[in-house]
């Protein structure tokens, strides 16, 4: 009697190259769905390179990828104050404060790590939407990297210097937009959100933001307080962190300068995906 062949192991789509027949079929199916639903998107939004971002961010679950794809294009149309001007020179003065940096190396899980420093944000000069646009521009660039599509992004927020003037800018409307993008509105895996040196006055805003987040995202938020060194190093090796944070990877200024260079070099691309103001 013939024996049934052993079951083949399930295909790990995330490990397959872009030109794999399995991957190409998944991309074609997502494209067909977008066309059939008559979504008003640009032709470039239906390219292989663009669609694979949505598939990888949800581990090739077609329904979940479709949800993110729809939500992404929904908020891009509804939030022109953010997406209408993805133009790095327009926020160069904010970038030059060394507010944000991209760590040079990936963490041991292969995630990209973006570092924000609230003390560098002067709310009299820059709005919460300026910061939001910077975050979107950085995210749009790193999700072009296959390793980031597979392994996601982690963020570290140094909240030293948070004041009432900052809190007043984080209105309920801003909170809803942040939460929508963080959950199912952007093609990226949010692998971790780390807060350090968070003052007591920050928790009011933090509790409001948490109300709008999914349980999965909330579970990936880590509060490290003022004595953050041990907690942060449980997640990130010393060799990865800036020297200002008891790391060995060099001064924060280097991470910030490299990111500014990347953003400015990518101005044409970011403008091409920016909606008209």
Protein backbone atom coordinates (compact mmCIF):
# COMPACT_ATOMS: atom_id res chain seq x y z
CA UNK A 1 0.00 0.00 0.00
CA UNK A 2 1.34 3.40 -0.94
CA UNK A 3 2.02 5.67 1.96
CA UNK A 4 0.90 9.27 1.96
CA UNK A 5 3.81 11.62 1.36
CA UNK A 6 4.90 13.55 4.43
CA UNK A 7 3.39 16.96 4.82
CA UNK A 8 5.60 19.73 3.49
CA UNK A 9 6.66 22.28 6.08
CA UNK A 10 4.73 25.57 5.82
CA UNK A 11 6.37 28.18 3.66
CA UNK A 12 7.95 31.06 5.59
CA UNK A 13 7.17 33.83 3.13
CA UNK A 14 9.19 36.38 5.08
CA UNK A 15 12.38 34.46 4.44
CA UNK A 16 11.79 34.18 0.70
CA UNK A 17 13.44 36.54 -1.78
CA UNK A 18 11.34 39.13 -3.57
CA UNK A 19 11.38 37.15 -6.83
CA UNK A 20 10.08 33.93 -5.25
CA UNK A 21 6.95 32.58 -7.03
CA UNK A 22 5.14 32.50 -3.65
CA UNK A 23 5.97 36.15 -2.98
CA UNK A 24 5.11 37.29 -6.50
CA UNK A 25 1.74 35.52 -6.31
CA UNK A 26 0.95 37.23 -3.00
CA UNK A 27 1.90 40.62 -4.44
CA UNK A 28 -0.25 40.02 -7.54
CA UNK A 29 -3.22 39.05 -5.37
CA UNK A 30 -2.93 42.20 -3.24
CA UNK A 31 -2.65 44.34 -6.37
CA UNK A 32 -5.75 42.72 -7.89
CA UNK A 33 -7.68 43.36 -4.70
CA UNK A 34 -6.76 47.05 -4.76
CA UNK A 35 -7.81 47.33 -8.41
CA UNK A 36 -11.08 45.48 -7.84
CA UNK A 37 -11.91 47.70 -4.85
CA UNK A 38 -11.17 50.72 -7.05
CA UNK A 39 -8.99 52.39 -4.46
CA UNK A 40 -7.77 55.77 -5.63
CA UNK A 41 -4.04 55.22 -5.37
CA UNK A 42 -1.09 56.08 -7.54
CA UNK A 43 0.37 53.51 -9.89
CA UNK A 44 3.57 53.58 -7.85
CA UNK A 45 1.55 52.46 -4.81
CA UNK A 46 0.80 49.23 -6.68
CA UNK A 47 4.42 48.45 -7.50
CA UNK A 48 5.99 45.23 -6.26
CA UNK A 49 8.37 47.17 -4.01
CA UNK A 50 5.50 49.04 -2.36
CA UNK A 51 3.06 46.16 -1.95
CA UNK A 52 5.61 43.83 -0.39
CA UNK A 53 5.96 46.29 2.49
CA UNK A 54 2.33 45.66 3.46
CA UNK A 55 2.62 41.92 3.06
CA UNK A 56 5.78 41.61 5.13
CA UNK A 57 4.49 43.88 7.90
CA UNK A 58 1.71 41.33 8.51
CA UNK A 59 3.74 38.20 7.73
CA UNK A 60 1.92 37.67 4.43
CA UNK A 61 -1.53 37.39 5.99
CA UNK A 62 -3.40 38.76 2.98
CA UNK A 63 -6.41 40.05 4.92
CA UNK A 64 -4.32 41.84 7.52
CA UNK A 65 -2.03 43.28 4.83
CA UNK A 66 -5.11 44.53 2.98
CA UNK A 67 -6.40 46.21 6.14
CA UNK A 68 -3.13 48.09 6.61
CA UNK A 69 -3.04 49.02 2.92
CA UNK A 70 -6.54 50.53 3.06
CA UNK A 71 -5.90 52.34 6.34
CA UNK A 72 -2.59 53.71 5.13
CA UNK A 73 -4.17 55.33 2.10
CA UNK A 74 -7.14 56.48 4.16
CA UNK A 75 -5.11 58.50 6.63
CA UNK A 76 -2.82 59.84 3.91
CA UNK A 77 -5.88 61.46 2.35
CA UNK A 78 -7.48 62.53 5.62
CA UNK A 79 -4.36 63.98 7.29
CA UNK A 80 -2.88 66.36 4.70
CA UNK A 81 -1.32 68.39 7.52
CA UNK A 82 1.10 65.46 7.90
CA UNK A 83 1.35 63.87 4.47
CA UNK A 84 1.03 66.98 2.34
CA UNK A 85 4.62 68.06 2.84
CA UNK A 86 7.05 65.17 3.24
CA UNK A 87 9.87 67.55 2.41
CA UNK A 88 13.01 67.18 4.56
CA UNK A 89 14.30 70.74 3.93
CA UNK A 90 11.08 72.07 5.49
CA UNK A 91 12.03 70.52 8.86
CA UNK A 92 15.80 70.88 8.57
CA UNK A 93 15.97 73.33 11.49
CA UNK A 94 14.21 70.74 13.68
CA UNK A 95 16.54 67.97 12.51
CA UNK A 96 19.57 70.15 13.25
CA UNK A 97 18.59 70.33 16.91
CA UNK A 98 19.61 66.64 17.06
CA UNK A 99 16.07 65.74 18.05
CA UNK A 100 16.16 62.37 16.27
CA UNK A 101 18.80 59.84 15.36
CA UNK A 102 18.92 56.47 13.63
CA UNK A 103 21.22 53.99 15.34
CA UNK A 104 23.96 52.69 13.09
CA UNK A 105 23.42 49.00 13.70
CA UNK A 106 20.33 46.84 14.02
CA UNK A 107 19.52 45.30 17.37
CA UNK A 108 20.07 41.55 17.93
CA UNK A 109 16.56 40.85 16.57
CA UNK A 110 17.36 42.65 13.32
CA UNK A 111 15.15 45.66 14.09
CA UNK A 112 15.97 49.23 13.15
CA UNK A 113 16.21 51.53 16.16
CA UNK A 114 15.10 55.19 16.03
CA UNK A 115 15.98 57.46 18.96
CA UNK A 116 14.04 60.63 19.85
CA UNK A 117 15.02 63.30 22.41
CA UNK A 118 12.14 65.46 23.60
CA UNK A 119 14.40 68.06 25.25
CA UNK A 120 15.42 69.17 21.75
CA UNK A 121 11.81 69.98 20.81
CA UNK A 122 11.00 73.64 21.38
CA UNK A 123 7.17 73.76 21.21
CA UNK A 124 7.31 77.52 20.61
CA UNK A 125 9.01 76.87 17.28
CA UNK A 126 7.90 73.41 16.18
CA UNK A 127 4.45 71.88 16.31
CA UNK A 128 3.49 68.31 17.12
CA UNK A 129 2.69 67.92 13.41
CA UNK A 130 6.27 68.88 12.52
CA UNK A 131 7.46 66.02 14.71
CA UNK A 132 4.85 63.70 13.28
CA UNK A 133 6.03 64.47 9.73
CA UNK A 134 9.64 63.77 10.69
CA UNK A 135 8.62 60.41 12.14
CA UNK A 136 6.66 59.52 9.00
CA UNK A 137 9.57 60.49 6.74
CA UNK A 138 12.02 58.37 8.73
CA UNK A 139 9.57 55.47 8.72
CA UNK A 140 8.98 55.73 4.99
CA UNK A 141 12.70 55.41 4.38
CA UNK A 142 13.47 52.51 6.69
CA UNK A 143 10.55 50.39 5.42
CA UNK A 144 12.23 50.34 2.03
CA UNK A 145 14.81 48.01 3.58
CA UNK A 146 13.89 44.30 3.32
CA UNK A 147 15.45 43.55 6.71
CA UNK A 148 13.31 46.24 8.32
CA UNK A 149 10.21 44.90 6.56
CA UNK A 150 10.97 41.50 8.10
CA UNK A 151 12.18 42.55 11.55
CA UNK A 152 10.45 45.84 12.22
CA UNK A 153 11.34 48.99 14.11
CA UNK A 154 11.96 49.84 17.75
CA UNK A 155 11.93 53.35 19.16
CA UNK A 156 13.54 54.93 22.19
CA UNK A 157 12.10 58.19 23.53
CA UNK A 158 14.17 60.22 25.96
CA UNK A 159 11.45 62.25 27.68
CA UNK A 160 13.74 64.37 29.84
CA UNK A 161 12.62 67.97 29.45
CA UNK A 162 8.94 67.16 28.85
CA UNK A 163 6.91 70.19 29.96
CA UNK A 164 3.32 71.39 29.97
CA UNK A 165 4.06 73.27 26.74
CA UNK A 166 4.72 69.92 25.07
CA UNK A 167 1.61 68.34 26.57
CA UNK A 168 -0.63 71.15 25.32
CA UNK A 169 0.36 70.31 21.75
CA UNK A 170 -0.61 66.65 22.11
CA UNK A 171 -4.33 67.22 21.65
CA UNK A 172 -6.93 64.42 21.41
CA UNK A 173 -6.89 64.86 17.62
CA UNK A 174 -3.11 64.35 17.51
CA UNK A 175 -3.39 61.34 19.84
CA UNK A 176 -6.00 59.66 17.64
CA UNK A 177 -3.82 60.14 14.57
CA UNK A 178 -0.72 58.77 16.28
CA UNK A 179 -2.64 55.74 17.55
CA UNK A 180 -4.24 55.04 14.17
CA UNK A 181 -0.89 55.08 12.41
CA UNK A 182 0.76 52.99 15.14
CA UNK A 183 -1.81 50.20 15.09
CA UNK A 184 -3.00 49.33 11.60
CA UNK A 185 -2.18 52.38 9.53
CA UNK A 186 1.45 52.00 8.49
CA UNK A 187 3.34 49.09 6.91
CA UNK A 188 5.83 48.48 9.69
CA UNK A 189 6.14 46.02 12.54
CA UNK A 190 6.31 47.97 15.80
CA UNK A 191 8.62 45.70 17.79
CA UNK A 192 9.14 47.90 20.83
CA UNK A 193 8.60 51.40 22.26
CA UNK A 194 11.00 52.33 25.05
CA UNK A 195 10.50 55.41 27.24
CA UNK A 196 13.30 56.71 29.46
CA UNK A 197 13.48 59.57 31.96
CA UNK A 198 9.72 60.09 31.72
CA UNK A 199 8.51 62.78 34.19
CA UNK A 200 5.27 62.50 36.15
CA UNK A 201 3.54 65.15 34.04
CA UNK A 202 3.98 62.94 30.97
CA UNK A 203 1.72 60.18 32.30
CA UNK A 204 -1.50 62.08 31.66
CA UNK A 205 -0.76 62.18 27.93
CA UNK A 206 0.60 58.63 28.01
CA UNK A 207 -2.62 57.27 29.52
CA UNK A 208 -4.66 59.03 26.86
CA UNK A 209 -2.50 57.56 24.09
CA UNK A 210 -2.72 54.04 25.56
CA UNK A 211 -6.51 54.23 25.44
CA UNK A 212 -6.36 54.23 21.63
CA UNK A 213 -3.67 51.56 21.17
CA UNK A 214 -4.15 47.88 20.48
CA UNK A 215 -3.26 45.38 23.20
CA UNK A 216 -0.37 44.13 21.06
CA UNK A 217 1.20 47.59 20.84
CA UNK A 218 0.60 48.32 24.54
CA UNK A 219 2.38 45.09 25.45
CA UNK A 220 5.47 46.32 23.61
CA UNK A 221 5.79 49.58 25.55
CA UNK A 222 8.56 49.63 28.17
CA UNK A 223 8.95 52.32 30.83
CA UNK A 224 12.50 52.62 32.14
CA UNK A 225 12.42 55.78 34.29
CA UNK A 226 15.45 57.78 35.33
CA UNK A 227 17.56 54.74 36.23
CA UNK A 228 17.24 53.43 32.71
CA UNK A 229 20.67 51.97 32.04
CA UNK A 230 20.04 48.41 33.21
CA UNK A 231 16.54 48.21 31.74
CA UNK A 232 17.58 49.62 28.38
CA UNK A 233 20.59 47.32 28.15
CA UNK A 234 18.34 44.29 28.67
CA UNK A 235 16.91 45.09 25.25
CA UNK A 236 19.81 46.79 23.46
CA UNK A 237 23.52 45.88 23.71
CA UNK A 238 25.95 48.50 24.96
CA UNK A 239 27.69 48.42 21.59
CA UNK A 240 24.51 49.72 19.94
CA UNK A 241 23.68 52.68 22.20
CA UNK A 242 25.00 56.27 22.04
CA UNK A 243 27.65 57.21 24.57
CA UNK A 244 25.29 59.77 26.17
CA UNK A 245 23.21 56.77 27.25
CA UNK A 246 26.08 54.72 28.65
CA UNK A 247 26.67 53.04 25.32
CA UNK A 248 29.75 52.47 23.19
CA UNK A 249 28.53 53.38 19.71
CA UNK A 250 29.70 56.99 19.64
CA UNK A 251 28.02 60.34 20.28
CA UNK A 252 24.35 60.89 19.47
CA UNK A 253 25.37 63.65 17.09
CA UNK A 254 26.73 61.04 14.67
CA UNK A 255 23.41 59.17 14.56
CA UNK A 256 21.56 62.42 14.01
CA UNK A 257 23.90 63.69 11.29
CA UNK A 258 23.72 60.39 9.39
CA UNK A 259 19.94 60.51 9.50
CA UNK A 260 19.86 64.11 8.27
CA UNK A 261 22.07 63.10 5.35
CA UNK A 262 19.78 60.17 4.53
CA UNK A 263 16.66 62.34 4.66
CA UNK A 264 18.12 65.10 2.52
CA UNK A 265 19.41 62.60 -0.05
CA UNK A 266 15.90 61.10 -0.18
CA UNK A 267 14.05 64.38 -0.72
CA UNK A 268 12.93 63.50 -4.26
CA UNK A 269 11.57 60.11 -3.19
CA UNK A 270 9.71 61.54 -0.19
CA UNK A 271 8.23 64.28 -2.33
CA UNK A 272 7.08 61.67 -4.83
CA UNK A 273 4.97 59.92 -2.18
CA UNK A 274 3.80 63.15 -0.56
CA UNK A 275 0.24 64.23 -1.17
CA UNK A 276 -0.33 67.80 -2.37
CA UNK A 277 -0.89 70.18 0.52
